[in-house]
Amino acid sequence: MPSLAVGARRLHDCGRSGWWQLLILTVIGIILLLIWWATEGSSEENEYGTGLD
């Protein structure tokens, strides 16, 4: 469960919804999620709250 929360937080930092984690059920989705999780997040506020503190 904690890994789902961390994954959702990383996606929110990149401006995407946590629901994108459902892509992990597909092979191509795993690659896409790894790329998104590895990108640097925004330090600005987004629709999900404040960015990196």
C-alpha atoms as a PDB file:
ATOM      1  CA  MET A   1       0.000   0.000   0.000  1.00  0.00           C
ATOM      2  CA  PRO A   2       2.708   2.592   0.743  1.00  0.00           C
ATOM      3  CA  SER A   3       4.154   2.084  -2.732  1.00  0.00           C
ATOM      4  CA  LEU A   4       0.783   3.048  -4.247  1.00  0.00           C
ATOM      5  CA  ALA A   5       0.806   6.281  -2.266  1.00  0.00           C
ATOM      6  CA  VAL A   6       4.370   7.085  -3.315  1.00  0.00           C
ATOM      7  CA  GLY A   7       3.570   6.304  -6.949  1.00  0.00           C
ATOM      8  CA  ALA A   8       0.487   8.510  -6.865  1.00  0.00           C
ATOM      9  CA  ARG A   9       2.495  11.344  -5.288  1.00  0.00           C
ATOM     10  CA  ARG A  10       5.147  11.127  -8.028  1.00  0.00           C
ATOM     11  CA  LEU A  11       2.476  11.192 -10.717  1.00  0.00           C
ATOM     12  CA  HIS A  12       0.833  14.194  -9.066  1.00  0.00           C
ATOM     13  CA  ASP A  13       4.193  15.986  -9.044  1.00  0.00           C
ATOM     14  CA  CYS A  14       4.379  15.417 -12.810  1.00  0.00           C
ATOM     15  CA  GLY A  15       0.836  16.756 -13.308  1.00  0.00           C
ATOM     16  CA  ARG A  16      -0.916  13.414 -13.807  1.00  0.00           C
ATOM     17  CA  SER A  17      -3.629  11.640 -11.865  1.00  0.00           C
ATOM     18  CA  GLY A  18      -2.792   8.726  -9.588  1.00  0.00           C
ATOM     19  CA  TRP A  19      -5.176   6.583 -11.611  1.00  0.00           C
ATOM     20  CA  TRP A  20      -2.449   6.309 -14.267  1.00  0.00           C
ATOM     21  CA  GLN A  21      -0.934   3.639 -12.008  1.00  0.00           C
ATOM     22  CA  LEU A  22      -3.422   1.191 -13.506  1.00  0.00           C
ATOM     23  CA  LEU A  23      -1.130   1.124 -16.539  1.00  0.00           C
ATOM     24  CA  ILE A  24       1.133  -1.173 -14.513  1.00  0.00           C
ATOM     25  CA  LEU A  25      -1.172  -3.978 -15.624  1.00  0.00           C
ATOM     26  CA  THR A  26       0.272  -3.757 -19.146  1.00  0.00           C
ATOM     27  CA  VAL A  27       3.843  -4.204 -20.372  1.00  0.00           C
ATOM     28  CA  ILE A  28       3.940  -0.886 -22.227  1.00  0.00           C
ATOM     29  CA  GLY A  29       2.350   0.823 -19.243  1.00  0.00           C
ATOM     30  CA  ILE A  30       5.190  -0.311 -16.971  1.00  0.00           C
ATOM     31  CA  ILE A  31       7.725   1.376 -19.246  1.00  0.00           C
ATOM     32  CA  LEU A  32       5.668   4.571 -19.418  1.00  0.00           C
ATOM     33  CA  LEU A  33       5.223   4.702 -15.647  1.00  0.00           C
ATOM     34  CA  LEU A  34       8.943   4.195 -15.065  1.00  0.00           C
ATOM     35  CA  ILE A  35       9.678   7.137 -17.341  1.00  0.00           C
ATOM     36  CA  TRP A  36       7.120   9.352 -15.575  1.00  0.00           C
ATOM     37  CA  TRP A  37       8.350   8.333 -12.112  1.00  0.00           C
ATOM     38  CA  ALA A  38      11.938   9.141 -13.099  1.00  0.00           C
ATOM     39  CA  THR A  39      11.197  12.618 -14.462  1.00  0.00           C
ATOM     40  CA  GLU A  40      11.742  15.610 -12.252  1.00  0.00           C
ATOM     41  CA  GLY A  41       8.554  16.915 -10.687  1.00  0.00           C
ATOM     42  CA  SER A  42       7.344  20.474 -10.594  1.00  0.00           C
ATOM     43  CA  SER A  43       8.061  22.518  -7.479  1.00  0.00           C
ATOM     44  CA  GLU A  44       5.013  24.681  -8.172  1.00  0.00           C
ATOM     45  CA  GLU A  45       1.530  24.121  -6.842  1.00  0.00           C
ATOM     46  CA  ASN A  46      -0.706  21.962  -9.023  1.00  0.00           C
ATOM     47  CA  GLU A  47      -4.327  20.820  -8.856  1.00  0.00           C
ATOM     48  CA  TYR A  48      -3.358  18.097  -6.350  1.00  0.00           C
ATOM     49  CA  GLY A  49      -1.637  20.406  -3.851  1.00  0.00           C
ATOM     50  CA  THR A  50       1.818  21.808  -3.306  1.00  0.00           C
ATOM     51  CA  GLY A  51       4.798  20.439  -5.202  1.00  0.00           C
ATOM     52  CA  LEU A  52       8.107  19.217  -3.869  1.00  0.00           C
ATOM     53  CA  ASP A  53       8.767  20.653  -0.423  1.00  0.00           C
END
